[in-house]
N, C-alpha and C. Protein backbone atom coordinates (compact mmCIF):
# COMPACT_ATOMS: atom_id res chain seq x y z
N MET A 1 47.90 -39.41 21.57
CA MET A 1 46.50 -39.76 21.41
C MET A 1 45.60 -38.73 22.08
N SER A 2 46.02 -38.20 23.21
CA SER A 2 45.16 -37.21 23.86
C SER A 2 45.07 -35.94 23.02
N ARG A 3 46.14 -35.63 22.25
CA ARG A 3 46.08 -34.47 21.35
C ARG A 3 45.04 -34.73 20.25
N PHE A 4 44.96 -35.93 19.75
CA PHE A 4 43.98 -36.30 18.75
C PHE A 4 42.56 -36.17 19.31
N LEU A 5 42.33 -36.62 20.53
CA LEU A 5 41.01 -36.53 21.16
C LEU A 5 40.61 -35.08 21.39
N ARG A 6 41.58 -34.24 21.82
CA ARG A 6 41.27 -32.82 22.04
C ARG A 6 40.89 -32.15 20.72
N THR A 7 41.62 -32.47 19.64
CA THR A 7 41.33 -31.89 18.33
C THR A 7 39.97 -32.36 17.84
N ALA A 8 39.69 -33.65 18.00
CA ALA A 8 38.39 -34.20 17.58
C ALA A 8 37.26 -33.56 18.36
N ALA A 9 37.47 -33.37 19.67
CA ALA A 9 36.44 -32.73 20.51
C ALA A 9 36.22 -31.29 20.08
N ALA A 10 37.28 -30.57 19.77
CA ALA A 10 37.16 -29.17 19.35
C ALA A 10 36.43 -29.06 18.02
N VAL A 11 36.75 -29.96 17.08
CA VAL A 11 36.08 -29.95 15.79
C VAL A 11 34.59 -30.29 15.97
N SER A 12 34.29 -31.29 16.78
CA SER A 12 32.90 -31.67 17.03
C SER A 12 32.12 -30.52 17.66
N THR A 13 32.74 -29.85 18.62
CA THR A 13 32.09 -28.71 19.26
C THR A 13 31.82 -27.61 18.24
N ALA A 14 32.76 -27.33 17.36
CA ALA A 14 32.60 -26.29 16.33
C ALA A 14 31.47 -26.65 15.37
N VAL A 15 31.39 -27.93 14.98
CA VAL A 15 30.34 -28.37 14.06
C VAL A 15 28.96 -28.24 14.72
N VAL A 16 28.85 -28.65 15.98
CA VAL A 16 27.58 -28.56 16.69
C VAL A 16 27.19 -27.09 16.87
N ALA A 17 28.15 -26.24 17.25
CA ALA A 17 27.87 -24.81 17.44
C ALA A 17 27.41 -24.18 16.12
N ALA A 18 28.08 -24.53 15.02
CA ALA A 18 27.68 -23.99 13.71
C ALA A 18 26.27 -24.44 13.36
N GLY A 19 25.94 -25.67 13.68
CA GLY A 19 24.59 -26.18 13.42
C GLY A 19 23.54 -25.45 14.24
N LEU A 20 23.87 -25.14 15.49
CA LEU A 20 22.93 -24.41 16.34
C LEU A 20 22.72 -22.99 15.82
N VAL A 21 23.80 -22.32 15.41
CA VAL A 21 23.68 -20.96 14.89
C VAL A 21 22.85 -20.96 13.61
N THR A 22 23.13 -21.92 12.72
CA THR A 22 22.37 -22.02 11.48
C THR A 22 20.91 -22.29 11.78
N GLY A 23 20.63 -23.18 12.72
CA GLY A 23 19.26 -23.49 13.09
C GLY A 23 18.53 -22.27 13.62
N CYS A 24 19.22 -21.43 14.38
CA CYS A 24 18.60 -20.22 14.91
C CYS A 24 18.24 -19.25 13.80
N THR A 25 19.15 -19.04 12.86
CA THR A 25 18.87 -18.05 11.82
C THR A 25 17.80 -18.55 10.86
N GLU A 26 17.73 -19.86 10.65
CA GLU A 26 16.70 -20.38 9.75
C GLU A 26 15.31 -20.27 10.38
N SER A 27 15.21 -20.51 11.70
CA SER A 27 13.90 -20.47 12.34
C SER A 27 13.50 -19.04 12.70
N GLU A 28 14.48 -18.14 12.80
CA GLU A 28 14.21 -16.75 13.14
C GLU A 28 13.69 -16.04 11.89
N GLN A 29 12.48 -15.49 11.96
CA GLN A 29 11.92 -14.82 10.80
C GLN A 29 11.80 -13.34 11.06
N LYS A 30 12.05 -12.56 10.01
CA LYS A 30 11.90 -11.12 10.13
C LYS A 30 10.42 -10.79 10.25
N ALA A 31 10.15 -9.72 10.93
CA ALA A 31 8.78 -9.24 11.07
C ALA A 31 8.61 -7.99 10.21
N VAL A 32 7.37 -7.61 10.00
CA VAL A 32 7.08 -6.36 9.31
C VAL A 32 7.41 -5.23 10.28
N PRO A 33 8.13 -4.21 9.83
CA PRO A 33 8.42 -3.09 10.74
C PRO A 33 7.13 -2.46 11.26
N ARG A 34 7.17 -2.01 12.49
CA ARG A 34 6.00 -1.40 13.13
C ARG A 34 5.65 -0.09 12.43
N LEU A 35 4.37 0.08 12.14
CA LEU A 35 3.88 1.30 11.49
C LEU A 35 3.17 2.19 12.52
N PRO A 36 3.13 3.50 12.26
CA PRO A 36 2.36 4.39 13.13
C PRO A 36 0.88 4.00 13.14
N GLU A 37 0.14 4.52 14.11
CA GLU A 37 -1.29 4.20 14.23
C GLU A 37 -2.06 4.61 12.97
N ARG A 38 -1.80 5.79 12.44
CA ARG A 38 -2.42 6.27 11.21
C ARG A 38 -1.30 6.64 10.24
N ILE A 39 -1.47 6.29 8.95
CA ILE A 39 -0.42 6.57 7.97
C ILE A 39 -0.97 7.32 6.76
N CYS A 40 -0.08 7.97 6.06
CA CYS A 40 -0.33 8.70 4.82
C CYS A 40 -1.14 9.98 5.05
N TRP A 41 -0.52 11.10 4.80
CA TRP A 41 -1.13 12.43 4.89
C TRP A 41 -1.76 12.68 6.25
N GLY A 42 -1.18 12.15 7.27
CA GLY A 42 -1.71 12.39 8.61
C GLY A 42 -2.89 11.53 8.99
N GLY A 43 -3.21 10.48 8.22
CA GLY A 43 -4.26 9.60 8.70
C GLY A 43 -5.19 8.93 7.71
N ALA A 44 -4.79 8.75 6.47
CA ALA A 44 -5.69 8.11 5.49
C ALA A 44 -5.99 6.65 5.82
N PHE A 45 -5.00 5.95 6.37
CA PHE A 45 -5.16 4.52 6.63
C PHE A 45 -4.74 4.19 8.05
N ALA A 46 -5.33 3.14 8.60
CA ALA A 46 -4.88 2.62 9.89
C ALA A 46 -3.62 1.77 9.62
N GLY A 47 -2.56 2.06 10.33
CA GLY A 47 -1.32 1.29 10.17
C GLY A 47 -1.56 -0.20 10.41
N SER A 48 -2.48 -0.52 11.34
CA SER A 48 -2.77 -1.92 11.65
C SER A 48 -3.51 -2.63 10.51
N ASP A 49 -4.15 -1.88 9.61
CA ASP A 49 -4.80 -2.47 8.44
C ASP A 49 -3.79 -2.76 7.33
N VAL A 50 -2.78 -1.92 7.21
CA VAL A 50 -1.79 -2.05 6.14
C VAL A 50 -0.68 -3.03 6.51
N SER A 51 -0.26 -3.01 7.75
CA SER A 51 0.88 -3.82 8.20
C SER A 51 0.80 -5.31 7.83
N PRO A 52 -0.33 -6.00 8.03
CA PRO A 52 -0.39 -7.43 7.71
C PRO A 52 -0.26 -7.74 6.21
N LEU A 53 -0.36 -6.72 5.37
CA LEU A 53 -0.30 -6.92 3.92
C LEU A 53 1.11 -6.73 3.38
N LEU A 54 2.04 -6.34 4.24
CA LEU A 54 3.40 -6.01 3.83
C LEU A 54 4.37 -7.17 4.04
N PRO A 55 5.42 -7.23 3.20
CA PRO A 55 6.46 -8.23 3.43
C PRO A 55 7.33 -7.83 4.63
N PRO A 56 8.02 -8.79 5.23
CA PRO A 56 8.88 -8.47 6.38
C PRO A 56 10.10 -7.66 5.96
N GLY A 57 10.71 -7.03 6.94
CA GLY A 57 11.91 -6.26 6.70
C GLY A 57 12.40 -5.64 7.98
N ASP A 58 13.50 -4.90 7.88
CA ASP A 58 14.10 -4.28 9.06
C ASP A 58 13.64 -2.84 9.27
N LYS A 59 13.44 -2.09 8.18
CA LYS A 59 13.19 -0.66 8.33
C LYS A 59 12.08 -0.19 7.38
N ALA A 60 11.08 0.48 7.95
CA ALA A 60 10.00 1.08 7.16
C ALA A 60 10.23 2.58 7.11
N GLU A 61 10.08 3.15 5.91
CA GLU A 61 10.32 4.58 5.73
C GLU A 61 9.29 5.15 4.76
N PHE A 62 8.62 6.21 5.17
CA PHE A 62 7.64 6.88 4.31
C PHE A 62 8.32 7.98 3.51
N SER A 63 7.79 8.22 2.31
CA SER A 63 8.29 9.34 1.51
C SER A 63 7.97 10.64 2.22
N ARG A 64 8.73 11.66 1.96
CA ARG A 64 8.48 12.95 2.63
C ARG A 64 7.12 13.51 2.23
N LEU A 65 6.61 13.16 1.06
CA LEU A 65 5.30 13.64 0.62
C LEU A 65 4.15 13.03 1.42
N ALA A 66 4.40 11.88 2.05
CA ALA A 66 3.36 11.18 2.81
C ALA A 66 2.90 11.98 4.02
N GLY A 67 3.74 12.89 4.51
CA GLY A 67 3.40 13.66 5.70
C GLY A 67 2.78 15.02 5.41
N ARG A 68 2.75 15.41 4.14
CA ARG A 68 2.19 16.73 3.84
C ARG A 68 0.66 16.68 3.84
N SER A 69 0.04 17.83 3.70
CA SER A 69 -1.42 17.90 3.68
C SER A 69 -1.97 17.25 2.41
N PHE A 70 -3.14 16.67 2.54
CA PHE A 70 -3.82 16.07 1.40
C PHE A 70 -4.61 17.15 0.70
N VAL A 71 -4.06 17.64 -0.42
CA VAL A 71 -4.67 18.74 -1.17
C VAL A 71 -4.61 18.39 -2.65
N LEU A 72 -5.71 18.58 -3.36
CA LEU A 72 -5.73 18.42 -4.81
C LEU A 72 -6.32 19.69 -5.41
N THR A 73 -5.51 20.42 -6.15
CA THR A 73 -5.94 21.65 -6.81
C THR A 73 -5.42 21.63 -8.24
N GLU A 74 -5.77 22.65 -9.00
CA GLU A 74 -5.26 22.72 -10.37
C GLU A 74 -3.73 22.76 -10.39
N ASP A 75 -3.14 23.45 -9.43
CA ASP A 75 -1.68 23.55 -9.37
C ASP A 75 -1.03 22.32 -8.76
N ASP A 76 -1.73 21.63 -7.91
CA ASP A 76 -1.19 20.46 -7.21
C ASP A 76 -2.21 19.33 -7.38
N ASP A 77 -2.21 18.71 -8.56
CA ASP A 77 -3.30 17.79 -8.92
C ASP A 77 -3.04 16.33 -8.58
N SER A 78 -2.01 16.06 -7.77
CA SER A 78 -1.71 14.69 -7.41
C SER A 78 -1.15 14.63 -5.99
N ALA A 79 -1.48 13.57 -5.27
CA ALA A 79 -0.95 13.33 -3.93
C ALA A 79 -0.50 11.87 -3.88
N VAL A 80 0.72 11.64 -3.39
CA VAL A 80 1.29 10.29 -3.36
C VAL A 80 1.85 10.00 -1.97
N CYS A 81 1.54 8.82 -1.47
CA CYS A 81 2.12 8.32 -0.22
C CYS A 81 2.83 7.02 -0.53
N THR A 82 4.12 6.99 -0.30
CA THR A 82 4.93 5.80 -0.60
C THR A 82 5.59 5.29 0.67
N LEU A 83 5.50 3.99 0.89
CA LEU A 83 6.14 3.33 2.03
C LEU A 83 7.18 2.36 1.49
N ASP A 84 8.42 2.57 1.89
CA ASP A 84 9.51 1.67 1.52
C ASP A 84 9.86 0.79 2.71
N ILE A 85 10.14 -0.47 2.44
CA ILE A 85 10.67 -1.37 3.45
C ILE A 85 12.04 -1.81 2.96
N ASP A 86 13.04 -1.56 3.76
CA ASP A 86 14.43 -1.86 3.42
C ASP A 86 14.81 -1.27 2.06
N GLY A 87 14.34 -0.05 1.80
CA GLY A 87 14.73 0.67 0.59
C GLY A 87 13.94 0.34 -0.66
N ARG A 88 12.94 -0.52 -0.58
CA ARG A 88 12.14 -0.88 -1.76
C ARG A 88 10.68 -0.52 -1.51
N THR A 89 10.05 0.09 -2.51
CA THR A 89 8.65 0.50 -2.38
C THR A 89 7.77 -0.74 -2.25
N ARG A 90 6.97 -0.76 -1.17
CA ARG A 90 6.10 -1.91 -0.90
C ARG A 90 4.63 -1.53 -0.84
N PHE A 91 4.33 -0.25 -0.57
CA PHE A 91 2.95 0.23 -0.49
C PHE A 91 2.91 1.63 -1.08
N GLN A 92 1.90 1.88 -1.91
CA GLN A 92 1.75 3.22 -2.46
C GLN A 92 0.26 3.53 -2.62
N ALA A 93 -0.11 4.71 -2.16
CA ALA A 93 -1.46 5.23 -2.33
C ALA A 93 -1.35 6.54 -3.11
N THR A 94 -2.19 6.68 -4.13
CA THR A 94 -2.13 7.85 -5.01
C THR A 94 -3.53 8.40 -5.21
N ALA A 95 -3.63 9.73 -5.21
CA ALA A 95 -4.90 10.40 -5.53
C ALA A 95 -4.61 11.42 -6.62
N ASP A 96 -5.44 11.45 -7.64
CA ASP A 96 -5.27 12.39 -8.75
C ASP A 96 -6.58 13.13 -9.00
N LEU A 97 -6.46 14.41 -9.27
CA LEU A 97 -7.60 15.24 -9.65
C LEU A 97 -7.69 15.25 -11.17
N ARG A 98 -8.85 14.92 -11.69
CA ARG A 98 -9.10 14.95 -13.13
C ARG A 98 -10.21 15.97 -13.39
N LYS A 99 -10.05 16.75 -14.43
CA LYS A 99 -11.06 17.77 -14.76
C LYS A 99 -12.27 17.16 -15.47
N PHE A 100 -12.02 16.06 -16.18
CA PHE A 100 -13.10 15.42 -16.92
C PHE A 100 -13.14 13.94 -16.55
N GLU A 101 -14.34 13.41 -16.45
CA GLU A 101 -14.51 12.01 -16.04
C GLU A 101 -13.80 11.05 -16.98
N ASP A 102 -13.79 11.35 -18.29
CA ASP A 102 -13.13 10.44 -19.24
C ASP A 102 -11.60 10.52 -19.14
N GLY A 103 -11.08 11.38 -18.29
CA GLY A 103 -9.63 11.42 -18.03
C GLY A 103 -9.16 10.28 -17.13
N ILE A 104 -10.11 9.55 -16.57
CA ILE A 104 -9.78 8.40 -15.73
C ILE A 104 -9.72 7.18 -16.63
N ASP A 105 -8.52 6.68 -16.85
CA ASP A 105 -8.29 5.58 -17.79
C ASP A 105 -7.44 4.50 -17.12
N TRP A 106 -7.99 3.33 -17.01
CA TRP A 106 -7.29 2.22 -16.36
C TRP A 106 -6.89 1.13 -17.34
N THR A 107 -6.84 1.42 -18.63
CA THR A 107 -6.49 0.40 -19.61
C THR A 107 -5.07 -0.14 -19.41
N SER A 108 -4.22 0.62 -18.75
CA SER A 108 -2.85 0.12 -18.50
C SER A 108 -2.86 -1.10 -17.58
N TRP A 109 -3.96 -1.35 -16.86
CA TRP A 109 -4.06 -2.52 -15.99
C TRP A 109 -4.77 -3.68 -16.67
N ASP A 110 -5.13 -3.55 -17.92
CA ASP A 110 -5.83 -4.64 -18.61
C ASP A 110 -5.05 -5.95 -18.56
N SER A 111 -3.73 -5.87 -18.66
CA SER A 111 -2.92 -7.10 -18.63
C SER A 111 -2.94 -7.77 -17.26
N ALA A 112 -3.34 -7.05 -16.22
CA ALA A 112 -3.44 -7.62 -14.87
C ALA A 112 -4.78 -8.32 -14.65
N ASP A 113 -5.62 -8.35 -15.69
CA ASP A 113 -6.94 -8.99 -15.63
C ASP A 113 -7.76 -8.50 -14.42
N PRO A 114 -8.02 -7.17 -14.36
CA PRO A 114 -8.75 -6.63 -13.21
C PRO A 114 -10.21 -7.05 -13.20
N LYS A 115 -10.75 -7.07 -12.02
CA LYS A 115 -12.17 -7.37 -11.81
C LYS A 115 -12.84 -6.08 -11.33
N PRO A 116 -14.15 -5.96 -11.51
CA PRO A 116 -14.85 -4.76 -11.03
C PRO A 116 -14.79 -4.67 -9.50
N LEU A 117 -14.70 -3.45 -9.02
CA LEU A 117 -14.69 -3.18 -7.58
C LEU A 117 -15.84 -2.21 -7.30
N ASP A 118 -16.76 -2.61 -6.46
CA ASP A 118 -17.96 -1.81 -6.18
C ASP A 118 -17.67 -0.79 -5.07
N VAL A 119 -16.76 0.14 -5.38
CA VAL A 119 -16.44 1.23 -4.47
C VAL A 119 -16.36 2.49 -5.31
N GLY A 120 -17.12 3.51 -4.94
CA GLY A 120 -17.11 4.76 -5.71
C GLY A 120 -17.99 4.67 -6.94
N ASP A 121 -17.75 5.61 -7.87
CA ASP A 121 -18.51 5.61 -9.12
C ASP A 121 -18.15 4.41 -9.99
N LYS A 122 -16.87 4.06 -9.97
CA LYS A 122 -16.39 2.85 -10.65
C LYS A 122 -15.08 2.46 -10.00
N GLY A 123 -14.72 1.20 -10.15
CA GLY A 123 -13.48 0.73 -9.55
C GLY A 123 -13.06 -0.60 -10.14
N ILE A 124 -11.78 -0.91 -9.96
CA ILE A 124 -11.23 -2.20 -10.39
C ILE A 124 -10.28 -2.71 -9.31
N ILE A 125 -10.11 -4.02 -9.30
CA ILE A 125 -9.19 -4.66 -8.38
C ILE A 125 -8.40 -5.70 -9.15
N TRP A 126 -7.11 -5.81 -8.86
CA TRP A 126 -6.26 -6.83 -9.47
C TRP A 126 -5.45 -7.47 -8.36
N ASP A 127 -4.56 -8.39 -8.69
CA ASP A 127 -3.90 -9.19 -7.65
C ASP A 127 -3.12 -8.37 -6.63
N THR A 128 -2.53 -7.23 -6.98
CA THR A 128 -1.73 -6.47 -6.02
C THR A 128 -2.19 -5.01 -5.87
N GLY A 129 -3.42 -4.72 -6.24
CA GLY A 129 -3.86 -3.34 -6.09
C GLY A 129 -5.30 -3.12 -6.48
N ALA A 130 -5.71 -1.86 -6.35
CA ALA A 130 -7.08 -1.46 -6.68
C ALA A 130 -7.10 0.00 -7.09
N ALA A 131 -8.10 0.36 -7.86
CA ALA A 131 -8.31 1.75 -8.27
C ALA A 131 -9.80 2.03 -8.18
N SER A 132 -10.12 3.27 -7.87
CA SER A 132 -11.51 3.68 -7.77
C SER A 132 -11.59 5.16 -8.08
N SER A 133 -12.79 5.61 -8.41
CA SER A 133 -12.97 7.04 -8.67
C SER A 133 -14.32 7.48 -8.12
N PHE A 134 -14.40 8.78 -7.85
CA PHE A 134 -15.66 9.36 -7.42
C PHE A 134 -15.72 10.81 -7.91
N THR A 135 -16.93 11.31 -8.00
CA THR A 135 -17.17 12.68 -8.43
C THR A 135 -17.25 13.58 -7.21
N CYS A 136 -16.35 14.54 -7.15
CA CYS A 136 -16.38 15.51 -6.06
C CYS A 136 -17.26 16.70 -6.46
N GLU A 137 -17.11 17.14 -7.68
CA GLU A 137 -17.92 18.23 -8.23
C GLU A 137 -18.20 17.93 -9.69
N PRO A 138 -19.45 17.63 -10.05
CA PRO A 138 -19.72 17.30 -11.46
C PRO A 138 -19.57 18.53 -12.35
N ALA A 139 -19.25 18.28 -13.60
CA ALA A 139 -19.17 19.36 -14.59
C ALA A 139 -20.56 19.94 -14.79
N LYS A 140 -20.62 21.24 -15.01
CA LYS A 140 -21.91 21.90 -15.22
C LYS A 140 -22.48 21.59 -16.60
N ASN A 141 -21.60 21.33 -17.57
CA ASN A 141 -22.00 20.91 -18.90
C ASN A 141 -20.85 20.10 -19.50
N PRO A 142 -21.05 19.43 -20.62
CA PRO A 142 -20.01 18.54 -21.17
C PRO A 142 -18.68 19.23 -21.48
N ASP A 143 -18.68 20.53 -21.69
CA ASP A 143 -17.44 21.22 -22.04
C ASP A 143 -16.75 21.89 -20.86
N SER A 144 -17.42 21.95 -19.71
CA SER A 144 -16.79 22.59 -18.56
C SER A 144 -16.15 21.54 -17.65
N PRO A 145 -15.07 21.91 -16.97
CA PRO A 145 -14.41 20.94 -16.10
C PRO A 145 -15.18 20.72 -14.79
N GLY A 146 -14.97 19.58 -14.22
CA GLY A 146 -15.51 19.25 -12.90
C GLY A 146 -14.35 18.83 -12.02
N LYS A 147 -14.67 18.13 -10.94
CA LYS A 147 -13.65 17.60 -10.03
C LYS A 147 -13.90 16.11 -9.89
N TYR A 148 -13.13 15.32 -10.60
CA TYR A 148 -13.24 13.87 -10.56
C TYR A 148 -11.97 13.34 -9.92
N ILE A 149 -12.12 12.51 -8.91
CA ILE A 149 -10.98 12.05 -8.12
C ILE A 149 -10.72 10.57 -8.41
N GLU A 150 -9.48 10.28 -8.76
CA GLU A 150 -9.03 8.90 -9.01
C GLU A 150 -8.12 8.49 -7.86
N LEU A 151 -8.40 7.34 -7.27
CA LEU A 151 -7.61 6.80 -6.16
C LEU A 151 -7.02 5.46 -6.56
N ARG A 152 -5.76 5.23 -6.17
CA ARG A 152 -5.11 3.95 -6.44
C ARG A 152 -4.33 3.49 -5.21
N ILE A 153 -4.37 2.21 -4.98
CA ILE A 153 -3.57 1.57 -3.93
C ILE A 153 -2.84 0.41 -4.59
N SER A 154 -1.53 0.32 -4.38
CA SER A 154 -0.79 -0.83 -4.91
C SER A 154 0.24 -1.29 -3.90
N LEU A 155 0.49 -2.59 -3.91
CA LEU A 155 1.48 -3.20 -3.03
C LEU A 155 2.43 -4.04 -3.85
N SER A 156 3.64 -4.14 -3.38
CA SER A 156 4.66 -4.92 -4.06
C SER A 156 5.10 -6.07 -3.16
N ASP A 157 5.16 -7.27 -3.70
CA ASP A 157 5.58 -8.47 -2.98
C ASP A 157 4.77 -8.74 -1.71
N PRO A 158 3.44 -8.69 -1.79
CA PRO A 158 2.66 -9.00 -0.58
C PRO A 158 2.87 -10.47 -0.22
N PRO A 159 2.95 -10.78 1.08
CA PRO A 159 3.18 -12.17 1.48
C PRO A 159 1.98 -13.09 1.22
N ASP A 160 0.79 -12.51 1.12
CA ASP A 160 -0.42 -13.33 0.95
C ASP A 160 -1.41 -12.56 0.06
N THR A 161 -1.47 -12.93 -1.23
CA THR A 161 -2.34 -12.20 -2.16
C THR A 161 -3.82 -12.44 -1.87
N VAL A 162 -4.18 -13.58 -1.30
CA VAL A 162 -5.58 -13.84 -0.94
C VAL A 162 -6.01 -12.87 0.15
N LYS A 163 -5.17 -12.70 1.17
CA LYS A 163 -5.45 -11.76 2.25
C LYS A 163 -5.52 -10.34 1.70
N LEU A 164 -4.63 -10.02 0.78
CA LEU A 164 -4.61 -8.69 0.16
C LEU A 164 -5.90 -8.43 -0.60
N GLN A 165 -6.33 -9.40 -1.41
CA GLN A 165 -7.57 -9.26 -2.18
C GLN A 165 -8.77 -9.02 -1.26
N ALA A 166 -8.79 -9.68 -0.14
CA ALA A 166 -9.89 -9.51 0.81
C ALA A 166 -9.84 -8.14 1.48
N ALA A 167 -8.65 -7.59 1.68
CA ALA A 167 -8.48 -6.31 2.39
C ALA A 167 -8.63 -5.09 1.50
N LEU A 168 -8.33 -5.21 0.21
CA LEU A 168 -8.33 -4.04 -0.67
C LEU A 168 -9.66 -3.27 -0.75
N PRO A 169 -10.82 -3.92 -0.83
CA PRO A 169 -12.07 -3.15 -0.88
C PRO A 169 -12.25 -2.24 0.35
N GLU A 170 -11.96 -2.75 1.54
CA GLU A 170 -12.10 -1.94 2.75
C GLU A 170 -11.05 -0.82 2.79
N LEU A 171 -9.83 -1.12 2.37
CA LEU A 171 -8.81 -0.07 2.31
C LEU A 171 -9.23 1.04 1.35
N MET A 172 -9.81 0.66 0.22
CA MET A 172 -10.24 1.66 -0.75
C MET A 172 -11.40 2.49 -0.18
N LYS A 173 -12.33 1.86 0.52
CA LYS A 173 -13.43 2.61 1.15
C LYS A 173 -12.88 3.61 2.16
N GLU A 174 -11.90 3.17 2.94
CA GLU A 174 -11.26 4.04 3.93
C GLU A 174 -10.56 5.22 3.25
N PHE A 175 -9.87 4.94 2.17
CA PHE A 175 -9.17 5.97 1.40
C PHE A 175 -10.18 6.96 0.81
N MET A 176 -11.26 6.45 0.28
CA MET A 176 -12.27 7.31 -0.33
C MET A 176 -12.93 8.21 0.71
N ALA A 177 -13.27 7.67 1.86
CA ALA A 177 -13.89 8.48 2.92
C ALA A 177 -12.92 9.58 3.37
N PHE A 178 -11.66 9.24 3.48
CA PHE A 178 -10.63 10.22 3.85
C PHE A 178 -10.55 11.33 2.80
N ALA A 179 -10.47 10.94 1.52
CA ALA A 179 -10.35 11.91 0.43
C ALA A 179 -11.58 12.81 0.37
N GLN A 180 -12.77 12.25 0.48
CA GLN A 180 -13.99 13.05 0.42
C GLN A 180 -14.03 14.08 1.56
N SER A 181 -13.61 13.66 2.73
CA SER A 181 -13.60 14.55 3.88
C SER A 181 -12.56 15.67 3.70
N LYS A 182 -11.35 15.30 3.32
CA LYS A 182 -10.27 16.29 3.17
C LYS A 182 -10.54 17.27 2.03
N LEU A 183 -11.16 16.79 0.97
CA LEU A 183 -11.45 17.65 -0.19
C LEU A 183 -12.78 18.38 -0.04
N GLN A 184 -13.50 18.09 1.04
CA GLN A 184 -14.78 18.70 1.33
C GLN A 184 -15.75 18.58 0.14
N CYS A 185 -15.87 17.36 -0.35
CA CYS A 185 -16.74 17.11 -1.49
C CYS A 185 -18.20 17.19 -1.04
N PRO A 186 -19.00 18.05 -1.68
CA PRO A 186 -20.40 18.19 -1.28
C PRO A 186 -21.20 16.93 -1.62
N GLY A 187 -21.72 16.30 -0.60
CA GLY A 187 -22.59 15.14 -0.79
C GLY A 187 -21.93 13.94 -1.40
N GLY A 188 -20.64 13.89 -1.59
CA GLY A 188 -19.91 12.79 -2.20
C GLY A 188 -20.76 11.73 -2.84
N SER A 189 -20.47 11.41 -4.07
CA SER A 189 -21.30 10.46 -4.82
C SER A 189 -20.83 9.02 -4.64
N ALA A 190 -19.83 8.80 -3.81
CA ALA A 190 -19.27 7.46 -3.69
C ALA A 190 -20.22 6.51 -2.98
N ARG A 191 -20.38 5.34 -3.56
CA ARG A 191 -21.15 4.28 -2.91
C ARG A 191 -20.21 3.56 -1.98
N GLN A 192 -20.58 3.44 -0.74
CA GLN A 192 -19.72 2.74 0.21
C GLN A 192 -20.52 1.70 0.84
């Protein structure tokens, strides 16, 4: 009988221990990996502004392009900053140089039911991102090229889309101010 009691006690202890371990892992939640103070191209965004919009994970990793200089020229007409969390893209900021204003086309987001965004010359916002544009150098006439800048911010699997919607206009303003400064746009036409 004492062998039976020892076995019963051992089984009970194992069940209780398993329950405690399970309880710990269920209540333990992953956090968003810590971001640098300034992110993307040496400082387009405050890490503290982006971090609350990201899903939790173990490891945050920026694309190698995120650390290069922010330059848009005829030869290098696009700049991309990508942040992966646990190997999946969760945040992306993109800037594109367009020679003509009508080269900025957002019809691919029509299915996302975008709303107008009052940042820059024109802008739109949808549930997980925003786009905006501004004129850096207007065309001298309808047939000559100018410098029109298109900016996009998108997030994947944000934990709170309401919080994201509230944050996107300010993030876009921050991105636009950064781009105008880095590109040395004379008098920038962006409304902020």
